[in-house]
Amino acid sequence: MADSATTANQTDEVNRDKFESGPLSLLTKACEENSQVLINCRNNRKILARVKAFDRHLNMVLENVRELWTEVPKGGSSKKPVNKDRFVSKMFLRGDSVIMVLRNPKAKQQ
């Protein structure tokens, strides 16, 4: 019984280390500092939001979400692409749609 408890503690320590020093550390810092991140998604949309929670699959709970995308109007080849956006107060983003996560470049660096 003690061996399984020790193994569980070691697993928790390894997982904690991955979140504090690995690629997921960016999301950990964003959660702690309540800073914005820019998320590039598979549907060719960008999301600018504050991360409230996340897991190792990059599933995220987001607040103050600004979703940005470009649409090409139908019916004419001379039409220019139109930039569109929408605001969502709270969102759950499934991790399999995430391509890349960046810190907000306009935030002050520490």
PDB file of N, CA and C in Angstrom:
ATOM      1  N   MET A   1       0.817  -1.189   0.000  1.00  0.00           N
ATOM      2  CA  MET A   1       0.000   0.000   0.000  1.00  0.00           C
ATOM      3  C   MET A   1       0.867   1.262   0.000  1.00  0.00           C
ATOM      4  N   ALA A   2       1.974   1.229   0.749  1.00  0.00           N
ATOM      5  CA  ALA A   2       2.863   2.386   0.811  1.00  0.00           C
ATOM      6  C   ALA A   2       3.536   2.629  -0.527  1.00  0.00           C
ATOM      7  N   ASP A   3       3.793   1.540  -1.271  1.00  0.00           N
ATOM      8  CA  ASP A   3       4.431   1.693  -2.574  1.00  0.00           C
ATOM      9  C   ASP A   3       3.537   2.443  -3.552  1.00  0.00           C
ATOM     10  N   SER A   4       2.247   2.178  -3.546  1.00  0.00           N
ATOM     11  CA  SER A   4       1.342   2.869  -4.457  1.00  0.00           C
ATOM     12  C   SER A   4       1.209   4.349  -4.088  1.00  0.00           C
ATOM     13  N   ALA A   5       1.232   4.661  -2.796  1.00  0.00           N
ATOM     14  CA  ALA A   5       1.179   6.057  -2.359  1.00  0.00           C
ATOM     15  C   ALA A   5       2.446   6.792  -2.781  1.00  0.00           C
ATOM     16  N   THR A   6       3.592   6.134  -2.659  1.00  0.00           N
ATOM     17  CA  THR A   6       4.859   6.736  -3.076  1.00  0.00           C
ATOM     18  C   THR A   6       4.855   6.967  -4.582  1.00  0.00           C
ATOM     19  N   THR A   7       4.366   5.992  -5.334  1.00  0.00           N
ATOM     20  CA  THR A   7       4.305   6.130  -6.787  1.00  0.00           C
ATOM     21  C   THR A   7       3.376   7.280  -7.177  1.00  0.00           C
ATOM     22  N   ALA A   8       2.250   7.402  -6.514  1.00  0.00           N
ATOM     23  CA  ALA A   8       1.317   8.494  -6.801  1.00  0.00           C
ATOM     24  C   ALA A   8       1.955   9.845  -6.495  1.00  0.00           C
ATOM     25  N   ASN A   9       2.691   9.934  -5.392  1.00  0.00           N
ATOM     26  CA  ASN A   9       3.364  11.192  -5.048  1.00  0.00           C
ATOM     27  C   ASN A   9       4.432  11.541  -6.070  1.00  0.00           C
ATOM     28  N   GLN A  10       5.169  10.534  -6.540  1.00  0.00           N
ATOM     29  CA  GLN A  10       6.186  10.784  -7.557  1.00  0.00           C
ATOM     30  C   GLN A  10       5.547  11.233  -8.859  1.00  0.00           C
ATOM     31  N   THR A  11       4.424  10.633  -9.233  1.00  0.00           N
ATOM     32  CA  THR A  11       3.716  11.026 -10.449  1.00  0.00           C
ATOM     33  C   THR A  11       3.220  12.461 -10.335  1.00  0.00           C
ATOM     34  N   ASP A  12       2.669  12.822  -9.180  1.00  0.00           N
ATOM     35  CA  ASP A  12       2.207  14.203  -8.973  1.00  0.00           C
ATOM     36  C   ASP A  12       3.357  15.188  -9.089  1.00  0.00           C
ATOM     37  N   GLU A  13       4.516  14.811  -8.552  1.00  0.00           N
ATOM     38  CA  GLU A  13       5.687  15.692  -8.602  1.00  0.00           C
ATOM     39  C   GLU A  13       6.168  15.872 -10.043  1.00  0.00           C
ATOM     40  N   VAL A  14       6.179  14.804 -10.825  1.00  0.00           N
ATOM     41  CA  VAL A  14       6.598  14.883 -12.230  1.00  0.00           C
ATOM     42  C   VAL A  14       5.625  15.759 -13.006  1.00  0.00           C
ATOM     43  N   ASN A  15       4.321  15.573 -12.797  1.00  0.00           N
ATOM     44  CA  ASN A  15       3.320  16.389 -13.493  1.00  0.00           C
ATOM     45  C   ASN A  15       3.448  17.859 -13.109  1.00  0.00           C
ATOM     46  N   ARG A  16       3.665  18.155 -11.834  1.00  0.00           N
ATOM     47  CA  ARG A  16       3.823  19.533 -11.376  1.00  0.00           C
ATOM     48  C   ARG A  16       5.049  20.165 -12.033  1.00  0.00           C
ATOM     49  N   ASP A  17       6.124  19.387 -12.163  1.00  0.00           N
ATOM     50  CA  ASP A  17       7.341  19.897 -12.790  1.00  0.00           C
ATOM     51  C   ASP A  17       7.099  20.234 -14.257  1.00  0.00           C
ATOM     52  N   LYS A  18       6.315  19.434 -14.950  1.00  0.00           N
ATOM     53  CA  LYS A  18       6.001  19.696 -16.361  1.00  0.00           C
ATOM     54  C   LYS A  18       5.235  21.010 -16.510  1.00  0.00           C
ATOM     55  N   PHE A  19       4.330  21.293 -15.564  1.00  0.00           N
ATOM     56  CA  PHE A  19       3.537  22.513 -15.642  1.00  0.00           C
ATOM     57  C   PHE A  19       4.334  23.736 -15.231  1.00  0.00           C
ATOM     58  N   GLU A  20       5.400  23.573 -14.453  1.00  0.00           N
ATOM     59  CA  GLU A  20       6.166  24.720 -13.976  1.00  0.00           C
ATOM     60  C   GLU A  20       7.398  25.026 -14.819  1.00  0.00           C
ATOM     61  N   SER A  21       7.917  24.035 -15.556  1.00  0.00           N
ATOM     62  CA  SER A  21       9.147  24.305 -16.299  1.00  0.00           C
ATOM     63  C   SER A  21       9.047  23.942 -17.779  1.00  0.00           C
ATOM     64  N   GLY A  22       8.062  23.189 -18.180  1.00  0.00           N
ATOM     65  CA  GLY A  22       7.945  22.770 -19.571  1.00  0.00           C
ATOM     66  C   GLY A  22       7.159  23.769 -20.400  1.00  0.00           C
ATOM     67  N   PRO A  23       6.702  23.341 -21.564  1.00  0.00           N
ATOM     68  CA  PRO A  23       5.935  24.228 -22.448  1.00  0.00           C
ATOM     69  C   PRO A  23       4.627  24.719 -21.818  1.00  0.00           C
ATOM     70  N   LEU A  24       4.074  23.944 -20.902  1.00  0.00           N
ATOM     71  CA  LEU A  24       2.828  24.354 -20.248  1.00  0.00           C
ATOM     72  C   LEU A  24       3.040  25.449 -19.212  1.00  0.00           C
ATOM     73  N   SER A  25       4.298  25.787 -18.943  1.00  0.00           N
ATOM     74  CA  SER A  25       4.585  26.847 -17.968  1.00  0.00           C
ATOM     75  C   SER A  25       4.041  28.198 -18.436  1.00  0.00           C
ATOM     76  N   LEU A  26       3.947  28.405 -19.741  1.00  0.00           N
ATOM     77  CA  LEU A  26       3.384  29.650 -20.264  1.00  0.00           C
ATOM     78  C   LEU A  26       1.937  29.800 -19.807  1.00  0.00           C
ATOM     79  N   LEU A  27       1.168  28.722 -19.885  1.00  0.00           N
ATOM     80  CA  LEU A  27      -0.223  28.771 -19.445  1.00  0.00           C
ATOM     81  C   LEU A  27      -0.317  28.887 -17.931  1.00  0.00           C
ATOM     82  N   THR A  28       0.600  28.234 -17.219  1.00  0.00           N
ATOM     83  CA  THR A  28       0.616  28.335 -15.756  1.00  0.00           C
ATOM     84  C   THR A  28       0.828  29.790 -15.336  1.00  0.00           C
ATOM     85  N   LYS A  29       1.801  30.460 -15.964  1.00  0.00           N
ATOM     86  CA  LYS A  29       2.073  31.869 -15.642  1.00  0.00           C
ATOM     87  C   LYS A  29       0.899  32.755 -16.027  1.00  0.00           C
ATOM     88  N   ALA A  30       0.272  32.463 -17.165  1.00  0.00           N
ATOM     89  CA  ALA A  30      -0.880  33.264 -17.601  1.00  0.00           C
ATOM     90  C   ALA A  30      -2.033  33.139 -16.614  1.00  0.00           C
ATOM     91  N   CYS A  31      -2.222  31.951 -16.059  1.00  0.00           N
ATOM     92  CA  CYS A  31      -3.275  31.753 -15.041  1.00  0.00           C
ATOM     93  C   CYS A  31      -2.944  32.520 -13.773  1.00  0.00           C
ATOM     94  N   GLU A  32      -1.705  32.400 -13.321  1.00  0.00           N
ATOM     95  CA  GLU A  32      -1.303  33.047 -12.070  1.00  0.00           C
ATOM     96  C   GLU A  32      -1.336  34.568 -12.177  1.00  0.00           C
ATOM     97  N   GLU A  33      -0.888  35.109 -13.294  1.00  0.00           N
ATOM     98  CA  GLU A  33      -0.785  36.562 -13.471  1.00  0.00           C
ATOM     99  C   GLU A  33      -2.043  37.176 -14.086  1.00  0.00           C
ATOM    100  N   ASN A  34      -2.994  36.345 -14.474  1.00  0.00           N
ATOM    101  CA  ASN A  34      -4.223  36.789 -15.131  1.00  0.00           C
ATOM    102  C   ASN A  34      -3.898  37.616 -16.381  1.00  0.00           C
ATOM    103  N   SER A  35      -2.907  37.181 -17.137  1.00  0.00           N
ATOM    104  CA  SER A  35      -2.508  37.896 -18.345  1.00  0.00           C
ATOM    105  C   SER A  35      -3.153  37.271 -19.581  1.00  0.00           C
ATOM    106  N   GLN A  36      -3.177  38.031 -20.660  1.00  0.00           N
ATOM    107  CA  GLN A  36      -3.798  37.563 -21.896  1.00  0.00           C
ATOM    108  C   GLN A  36      -2.847  36.685 -22.687  1.00  0.00           C
ATOM    109  N   VAL A  37      -3.440  35.741 -23.436  1.00  0.00           N
ATOM    110  CA  VAL A  37      -2.691  34.925 -24.375  1.00  0.00           C
ATOM    111  C   VAL A  37      -3.394  34.987 -25.732  1.00  0.00           C
ATOM    112  N   LEU A  38      -2.622  34.765 -26.787  1.00  0.00           N
ATOM    113  CA  LEU A  38      -3.159  34.692 -28.136  1.00  0.00           C
ATOM    114  C   LEU A  38      -3.078  33.236 -28.563  1.00  0.00           C
ATOM    115  N   ILE A  39      -4.213  32.654 -28.932  1.00  0.00           N
ATOM    116  CA  ILE A  39      -4.292  31.248 -29.293  1.00  0.00           C
ATOM    117  C   ILE A  39      -4.641  31.149 -30.765  1.00  0.00           C
ATOM    118  N   ASN A  40      -3.819  30.424 -31.522  1.00  0.00           N
ATOM    119  CA  ASN A  40      -4.074  30.173 -32.936  1.00  0.00           C
ATOM    120  C   ASN A  40      -4.772  28.826 -33.031  1.00  0.00           C
ATOM    121  N   CYS A  41      -5.949  28.792 -33.660  1.00  0.00           N
ATOM    122  CA  CYS A  41      -6.759  27.572 -33.704  1.00  0.00           C
ATOM    123  C   CYS A  41      -6.778  26.949 -35.093  1.00  0.00           C
ATOM    124  N   ARG A  42      -7.191  25.688 -35.142  1.00  0.00           N
ATOM    125  CA  ARG A  42      -7.223  24.933 -36.395  1.00  0.00           C
ATOM    126  C   ARG A  42      -8.257  25.456 -37.372  1.00  0.00           C
ATOM    127  N   ASN A  43      -9.282  26.126 -36.913  1.00  0.00           N
ATOM    128  CA  ASN A  43     -10.309  26.657 -37.816  1.00  0.00           C
ATOM    129  C   ASN A  43      -9.907  28.013 -38.402  1.00  0.00           C
ATOM    130  N   ASN A  44      -8.611  28.313 -38.336  1.00  0.00           N
ATOM    131  CA  ASN A  44      -8.031  29.552 -38.872  1.00  0.00           C
ATOM    132  C   ASN A  44      -8.586  30.792 -38.167  1.00  0.00           C
ATOM    133  N   ARG A  45      -8.862  30.638 -36.881  1.00  0.00           N
ATOM    134  CA  ARG A  45      -9.285  31.766 -36.061  1.00  0.00           C
ATOM    135  C   ARG A  45      -8.267  31.991 -34.958  1.00  0.00           C
ATOM    136  N   LYS A  46      -8.200  33.227 -34.506  1.00  0.00           N
ATOM    137  CA  LYS A  46      -7.313  33.599 -33.401  1.00  0.00           C
ATOM    138  C   LYS A  46      -8.191  33.945 -32.209  1.00  0.00           C
ATOM    139  N   ILE A  47      -7.718  33.605 -31.023  1.00  0.00           N
ATOM    140  CA  ILE A  47      -8.451  33.910 -29.799  1.00  0.00           C
ATOM    141  C   ILE A  47      -7.521  34.665 -28.863  1.00  0.00           C
ATOM    142  N   LEU A  48      -7.966  35.829 -28.426  1.00  0.00           N
ATOM    143  CA  LEU A  48      -7.245  36.626 -27.433  1.00  0.00           C
ATOM    144  C   LEU A  48      -8.072  36.574 -26.160  1.00  0.00           C
ATOM    145  N   ALA A  49      -7.488  36.003 -25.086  1.00  0.00           N
ATOM    146  CA  ALA A  49      -8.288  35.776 -23.884  1.00  0.00           C
ATOM    147  C   ALA A  49      -7.401  35.642 -22.652  1.00  0.00           C
ATOM    148  N   ARG A  50      -8.065  35.599 -21.504  1.00  0.00           N
ATOM    149  CA  ARG A  50      -7.402  35.314 -20.230  1.00  0.00           C
ATOM    150  C   ARG A  50      -7.711  33.874 -19.849  1.00  0.00           C
ATOM    151  N   VAL A  51      -6.664  33.124 -19.492  1.00  0.00           N
ATOM    152  CA  VAL A  51      -6.811  31.707 -19.156  1.00  0.00           C
ATOM    153  C   VAL A  51      -7.147  31.586 -17.672  1.00  0.00           C
ATOM    154  N   LYS A  52      -8.235  30.901 -17.384  1.00  0.00           N
ATOM    155  CA  LYS A  52      -8.637  30.667 -15.993  1.00  0.00           C
ATOM    156  C   LYS A  52      -8.216  29.278 -15.530  1.00  0.00           C
ATOM    157  N   ALA A  53      -8.217  28.297 -16.435  1.00  0.00           N
ATOM    158  CA  ALA A  53      -7.813  26.934 -16.089  1.00  0.00           C
ATOM    159  C   ALA A  53      -7.437  26.199 -17.366  1.00  0.00           C
ATOM    160  N   PHE A  54      -6.596  25.158 -17.233  1.00  0.00           N
ATOM    161  CA  PHE A  54      -6.203  24.345 -18.379  1.00  0.00           C
ATOM    162  C   PHE A  54      -5.725  22.993 -17.874  1.00  0.00           C
ATOM    163  N   ASP A  55      -5.565  22.056 -18.804  1.00  0.00           N
ATOM    164  CA  ASP A  55      -5.023  20.744 -18.449  1.00  0.00           C
ATOM    165  C   ASP A  55      -3.937  20.357 -19.438  1.00  0.00           C
ATOM    166  N   ARG A  56      -3.422  19.158 -19.278  1.00  0.00           N
ATOM    167  CA  ARG A  56      -2.289  18.722 -20.106  1.00  0.00           C
ATOM    168  C   ARG A  56      -2.669  18.496 -21.565  1.00  0.00           C
ATOM    169  N   HIS A  57      -3.965  18.446 -21.879  1.00  0.00           N
ATOM    170  CA  HIS A  57      -4.419  18.291 -23.263  1.00  0.00           C
ATOM    171  C   HIS A  57      -4.641  19.639 -23.936  1.00  0.00           C
ATOM    172  N   LEU A  58      -4.377  20.724 -23.231  1.00  0.00           N
ATOM    173  CA  LEU A  58      -4.591  22.104 -23.659  1.00  0.00           C
ATOM    174  C   LEU A  58      -6.068  22.474 -23.739  1.00  0.00           C
ATOM    175  N   ASN A  59      -6.937  21.701 -23.081  1.00  0.00           N
ATOM    176  CA  ASN A  59      -8.306  22.164 -22.876  1.00  0.00           C
ATOM    177  C   ASN A  59      -8.203  23.389 -21.980  1.00  0.00           C
ATOM    178  N   MET A  60      -8.982  24.440 -22.272  1.00  0.00           N
ATOM    179  CA  MET A  60      -8.864  25.675 -21.501  1.00  0.00           C
ATOM    180  C   MET A  60     -10.215  26.279 -21.181  1.00  0.00           C
ATOM    181  N   VAL A  61     -10.300  26.862 -20.011  1.00  0.00           N
ATOM    182  CA  VAL A  61     -11.432  27.709 -19.644  1.00  0.00           C
ATOM    183  C   VAL A  61     -10.931  29.130 -19.797  1.00  0.00           C
ATOM    184  N   LEU A  62     -11.614  29.915 -20.643  1.00  0.00           N
ATOM    185  CA  LEU A  62     -11.167  31.256 -20.986  1.00  0.00           C
ATOM    186  C   LEU A  62     -12.209  32.292 -20.574  1.00  0.00           C
ATOM    187  N   GLU A  63     -11.722  33.494 -20.252  1.00  0.00           N
ATOM    188  CA  GLU A  63     -12.587  34.630 -19.921  1.00  0.00           C
ATOM    189  C   GLU A  63     -12.212  35.815 -20.786  1.00  0.00           C
ATOM    190  N   ASN A  64     -13.177  36.712 -20.977  1.00  0.00           N
ATOM    191  CA  ASN A  64     -12.974  37.930 -21.777  1.00  0.00           C
ATOM    192  C   ASN A  64     -12.358  37.587 -23.128  1.00  0.00           C
ATOM    193  N   VAL A  65     -13.046  36.758 -23.868  1.00  0.00           N
ATOM    194  CA  VAL A  65     -12.533  36.190 -25.112  1.00  0.00           C
ATOM    195  C   VAL A  65     -12.867  37.093 -26.294  1.00  0.00           C
ATOM    196  N   ARG A  66     -11.863  37.404 -27.092  1.00  0.00           N
ATOM    197  CA  ARG A  66     -12.051  38.112 -28.355  1.00  0.00           C
ATOM    198  C   ARG A  66     -11.614  37.140 -29.455  1.00  0.00           C
ATOM    199  N   GLU A  67     -12.561  36.717 -30.280  1.00  0.00           N
ATOM    200  CA  GLU A  67     -12.277  35.781 -31.371  1.00  0.00           C
ATOM    201  C   GLU A  67     -12.149  36.571 -32.667  1.00  0.00           C
ATOM    202  N   LEU A  68     -11.075  36.339 -33.412  1.00  0.00           N
ATOM    203  CA  LEU A  68     -10.774  37.102 -34.628  1.00  0.00           C
ATOM    204  C   LEU A  68     -10.639  36.154 -35.814  1.00  0.00           C
ATOM    205  N   TRP A  69     -11.204  36.540 -36.969  1.00  0.00           N
ATOM    206  CA  TRP A  69     -11.067  35.747 -38.181  1.00  0.00           C
ATOM    207  C   TRP A  69     -11.287  36.630 -39.402  1.00  0.00           C
ATOM    208  N   THR A  70     -10.968  36.084 -40.569  1.00  0.00           N
ATOM    209  CA  THR A  70     -11.118  36.801 -41.838  1.00  0.00           C
ATOM    210  C   THR A  70     -12.068  36.013 -42.730  1.00  0.00           C
ATOM    211  N   GLU A  71     -13.010  36.722 -43.347  1.00  0.00           N
ATOM    212  CA  GLU A  71     -13.943  36.090 -44.283  1.00  0.00           C
ATOM    213  C   GLU A  71     -13.789  36.728 -45.648  1.00  0.00           C
ATOM    214  N   VAL A  72     -13.862  35.895 -46.681  1.00  0.00           N
ATOM    215  CA  VAL A  72     -13.846  36.383 -48.056  1.00  0.00           C
ATOM    216  C   VAL A  72     -15.297  36.393 -48.535  1.00  0.00           C
ATOM    217  N   PRO A  73     -15.806  37.567 -48.937  1.00  0.00           N
ATOM    218  CA  PRO A  73     -17.202  37.638 -49.392  1.00  0.00           C
ATOM    219  C   PRO A  73     -17.434  36.759 -50.621  1.00  0.00           C
ATOM    220  N   LYS A  74     -18.599  36.125 -50.663  1.00  0.00           N
ATOM    221  CA  LYS A  74     -18.944  35.257 -51.796  1.00  0.00           C
ATOM    222  C   LYS A  74     -19.497  36.083 -52.937  1.00  0.00           C
ATOM    223  N   GLY A  75     -19.368  35.563 -54.137  1.00  0.00           N
ATOM    224  CA  GLY A  75     -20.020  36.197 -55.273  1.00  0.00           C
ATOM    225  C   GLY A  75     -19.145  37.084 -56.128  1.00  0.00           C
ATOM    226  N   GLY A  76     -17.943  37.345 -55.750  1.00  0.00           N
ATOM    227  CA  GLY A  76     -17.113  38.207 -56.587  1.00  0.00           C
ATOM    228  C   GLY A  76     -15.646  38.012 -56.304  1.00  0.00           C
ATOM    229  N   SER A  77     -14.836  37.972 -57.345  1.00  0.00           N
ATOM    230  CA  SER A  77     -13.405  37.766 -57.155  1.00  0.00           C
ATOM    231  C   SER A  77     -12.698  39.068 -56.754  1.00  0.00           C
ATOM    232  N   SER A  78     -13.342  40.212 -57.012  1.00  0.00           N
ATOM    233  CA  SER A  78     -12.707  41.488 -56.690  1.00  0.00           C
ATOM    234  C   SER A  78     -12.965  41.924 -55.248  1.00  0.00           C
ATOM    235  N   LYS A  79     -13.781  41.178 -54.524  1.00  0.00           N
ATOM    236  CA  LYS A  79     -14.083  41.537 -53.135  1.00  0.00           C
ATOM    237  C   LYS A  79     -12.864  41.290 -52.257  1.00  0.00           C
ATOM    238  N   LYS A  80     -12.627  42.216 -51.343  1.00  0.00           N
ATOM    239  CA  LYS A  80     -11.497  42.086 -50.426  1.00  0.00           C
ATOM    240  C   LYS A  80     -11.929  41.308 -49.189  1.00  0.00           C
ATOM    241  N   PRO A  81     -10.993  40.590 -48.557  1.00  0.00           N
ATOM    242  CA  PRO A  81     -11.322  39.887 -47.306  1.00  0.00           C
ATOM    243  C   PRO A  81     -11.738  40.885 -46.221  1.00  0.00           C
ATOM    244  N   VAL A  82     -12.668  40.446 -45.378  1.00  0.00           N
ATOM    245  CA  VAL A  82     -13.187  41.292 -44.312  1.00  0.00           C
ATOM    246  C   VAL A  82     -12.768  40.702 -42.970  1.00  0.00           C
ATOM    247  N   ASN A  83     -12.150  41.530 -42.127  1.00  0.00           N
ATOM    248  CA  ASN A  83     -11.789  41.095 -40.776  1.00  0.00           C
ATOM    249  C   ASN A  83     -13.018  41.156 -39.888  1.00  0.00           C
ATOM    250  N   LYS A  84     -13.251  40.077 -39.152  1.00  0.00           N
ATOM    251  CA  LYS A  84     -14.404  40.022 -38.255  1.00  0.00           C
ATOM    252  C   LYS A  84     -13.941  39.617 -36.871  1.00  0.00           C
ATOM    253  N   ASP A  85     -14.744  39.974 -35.884  1.00  0.00           N
ATOM    254  CA  ASP A  85     -14.440  39.549 -34.521  1.00  0.00           C
ATOM    255  C   ASP A  85     -15.728  39.465 -33.717  1.00  0.00           C
ATOM    256  N   ARG A  86     -15.650  38.785 -32.581  1.00  0.00           N
ATOM    257  CA  ARG A  86     -16.774  38.712 -31.655  1.00  0.00           C
ATOM    258  C   ARG A  86     -16.230  38.576 -30.242  1.00  0.00           C
ATOM    259  N   PHE A  87     -17.060  38.972 -29.282  1.00  0.00           N
ATOM    260  CA  PHE A  87     -16.685  38.884 -27.880  1.00  0.00           C
ATOM    261  C   PHE A  87     -17.524  37.805 -27.215  1.00  0.00           C
ATOM    262  N   VAL A  88     -16.855  36.966 -26.404  1.00  0.00           N
ATOM    263  CA  VAL A  88     -17.530  35.938 -25.620  1.00  0.00           C
ATOM    264  C   VAL A  88     -17.021  36.081 -24.188  1.00  0.00           C
ATOM    265  N   SER A  89     -17.923  36.155 -23.219  1.00  0.00           N
ATOM    266  CA  SER A  89     -17.487  36.392 -21.841  1.00  0.00           C
ATOM    267  C   SER A  89     -16.773  35.186 -21.248  1.00  0.00           C
ATOM    268  N   LYS A  90     -17.285  33.968 -21.481  1.00  0.00           N
ATOM    269  CA  LYS A  90     -16.642  32.747 -20.971  1.00  0.00           C
ATOM    270  C   LYS A  90     -16.701  31.668 -22.039  1.00  0.00           C
ATOM    271  N   MET A  91     -15.623  30.890 -22.146  1.00  0.00           N
ATOM    272  CA  MET A  91     -15.547  29.877 -23.199  1.00  0.00           C
ATOM    273  C   MET A  91     -14.732  28.680 -22.721  1.00  0.00           C
ATOM    274  N   PHE A  92     -15.161  27.482 -23.120  1.00  0.00           N
ATOM    275  CA  PHE A  92     -14.343  26.282 -22.961  1.00  0.00           C
ATOM    276  C   PHE A  92     -13.780  25.956 -24.334  1.00  0.00           C
ATOM    277  N   LEU A  93     -12.463  25.900 -24.440  1.00  0.00           N
ATOM    278  CA  LEU A  93     -11.797  25.594 -25.709  1.00  0.00           C
ATOM    279  C   LEU A  93     -11.200  24.202 -25.620  1.00  0.00           C
ATOM    280  N   ARG A  94     -11.607  23.336 -26.525  1.00  0.00           N
ATOM    281  CA  ARG A  94     -11.089  21.970 -26.536  1.00  0.00           C
ATOM    282  C   ARG A  94      -9.660  21.982 -27.080  1.00  0.00           C
ATOM    283  N   GLY A  95      -8.781  21.244 -26.430  1.00  0.00           N
ATOM    284  CA  GLY A  95      -7.357  21.300 -26.728  1.00  0.00           C
ATOM    285  C   GLY A  95      -6.951  20.807 -28.101  1.00  0.00           C
ATOM    286  N   ASP A  96      -7.748  19.937 -28.728  1.00  0.00           N
ATOM    287  CA  ASP A  96      -7.339  19.416 -30.033  1.00  0.00           C
ATOM    288  C   ASP A  96      -7.466  20.454 -31.141  1.00  0.00           C
ATOM    289  N   SER A  97      -8.095  21.599 -30.863  1.00  0.00           N
ATOM    290  CA  SER A  97      -8.188  22.657 -31.869  1.00  0.00           C
ATOM    291  C   SER A  97      -7.079  23.699 -31.725  1.00  0.00           C
ATOM    292  N   VAL A  98      -6.216  23.551 -30.730  1.00  0.00           N
ATOM    293  CA  VAL A  98      -5.149  24.524 -30.479  1.00  0.00           C
ATOM    294  C   VAL A  98      -3.922  24.181 -31.322  1.00  0.00           C
ATOM    295  N   ILE A  99      -3.417  25.170 -32.051  1.00  0.00           N
ATOM    296  CA  ILE A  99      -2.167  25.012 -32.807  1.00  0.00           C
ATOM    297  C   ILE A  99      -1.013  25.618 -32.027  1.00  0.00           C
ATOM    298  N   MET A 100      -1.212  26.854 -31.536  1.00  0.00           N
ATOM    299  CA  MET A 100      -0.121  27.576 -30.893  1.00  0.00           C
ATOM    300  C   MET A 100      -0.684  28.545 -29.857  1.00  0.00           C
ATOM    301  N   VAL A 101       0.080  28.748 -28.788  1.00  0.00           N
ATOM    302  CA  VAL A 101      -0.304  29.700 -27.742  1.00  0.00           C
ATOM    303  C   VAL A 101       0.856  30.673 -27.547  1.00  0.00           C
ATOM    304  N   LEU A 102       0.544  31.968 -27.566  1.00  0.00           N
ATOM    305  CA  LEU A 102       1.552  33.014 -27.386  1.00  0.00           C
ATOM    306  C   LEU A 102       1.145  33.934 -26.246  1.00  0.00           C
ATOM    307  N   ARG A 103       2.143  34.455 -25.544  1.00  0.00           N
ATOM    308  CA  ARG A 103       1.858  35.507 -24.572  1.00  0.00           C
ATOM    309  C   ARG A 103       1.461  36.766 -25.320  1.00  0.00           C
ATOM    310  N   ASN A 104       0.665  37.606 -24.686  1.00  0.00           N
ATOM    311  CA  ASN A 104       0.270  38.863 -25.318  1.00  0.00           C
ATOM    312  C   ASN A 104       1.509  39.739 -25.492  1.00  0.00           C
ATOM    313  N   PRO A 105       1.878  40.070 -26.735  1.00  0.00           N
ATOM    314  CA  PRO A 105       3.095  40.857 -26.953  1.00  0.00           C
ATOM    315  C   PRO A 105       2.989  42.284 -26.434  1.00  0.00           C
ATOM    316  N   LYS A 106       1.765  42.801 -26.252  1.00  0.00           N
ATOM    317  CA  LYS A 106       1.609  44.173 -25.774  1.00  0.00           C
ATOM    318  C   LYS A 106       1.702  44.276 -24.260  1.00  0.00           C
ATOM    319  N   ALA A 107       1.662  43.142 -23.570  1.00  0.00           N
ATOM    320  CA  ALA A 107       1.784  43.166 -22.112  1.00  0.00           C
ATOM    321  C   ALA A 107       3.222  43.490 -21.744  1.00  0.00           C
ATOM    322  N   LYS A 108       3.406  44.180 -20.619  1.00  0.00           N
ATOM    323  CA  LYS A 108       4.758  44.546 -20.221  1.00  0.00           C
ATOM    324  C   LYS A 108       5.541  43.301 -19.802  1.00  0.00           C
ATOM    325  N   GLN A 109       6.772  43.239 -20.226  1.00  0.00           N
ATOM    326  CA  GLN A 109       7.644  42.102 -19.916  1.00  0.00           C
ATOM    327  C   GLN A 109       8.212  42.247 -18.516  1.00  0.00           C
ATOM    328  N   GLN A 110       8.322  41.102 -17.818  1.00  0.00           N
ATOM    329  CA  GLN A 110       8.879  41.147 -16.466  1.00  0.00           C
ATOM    330  C   GLN A 110      10.159  40.365 -16.416  1.00  0.00           C
TER     331      GLN A 110
END
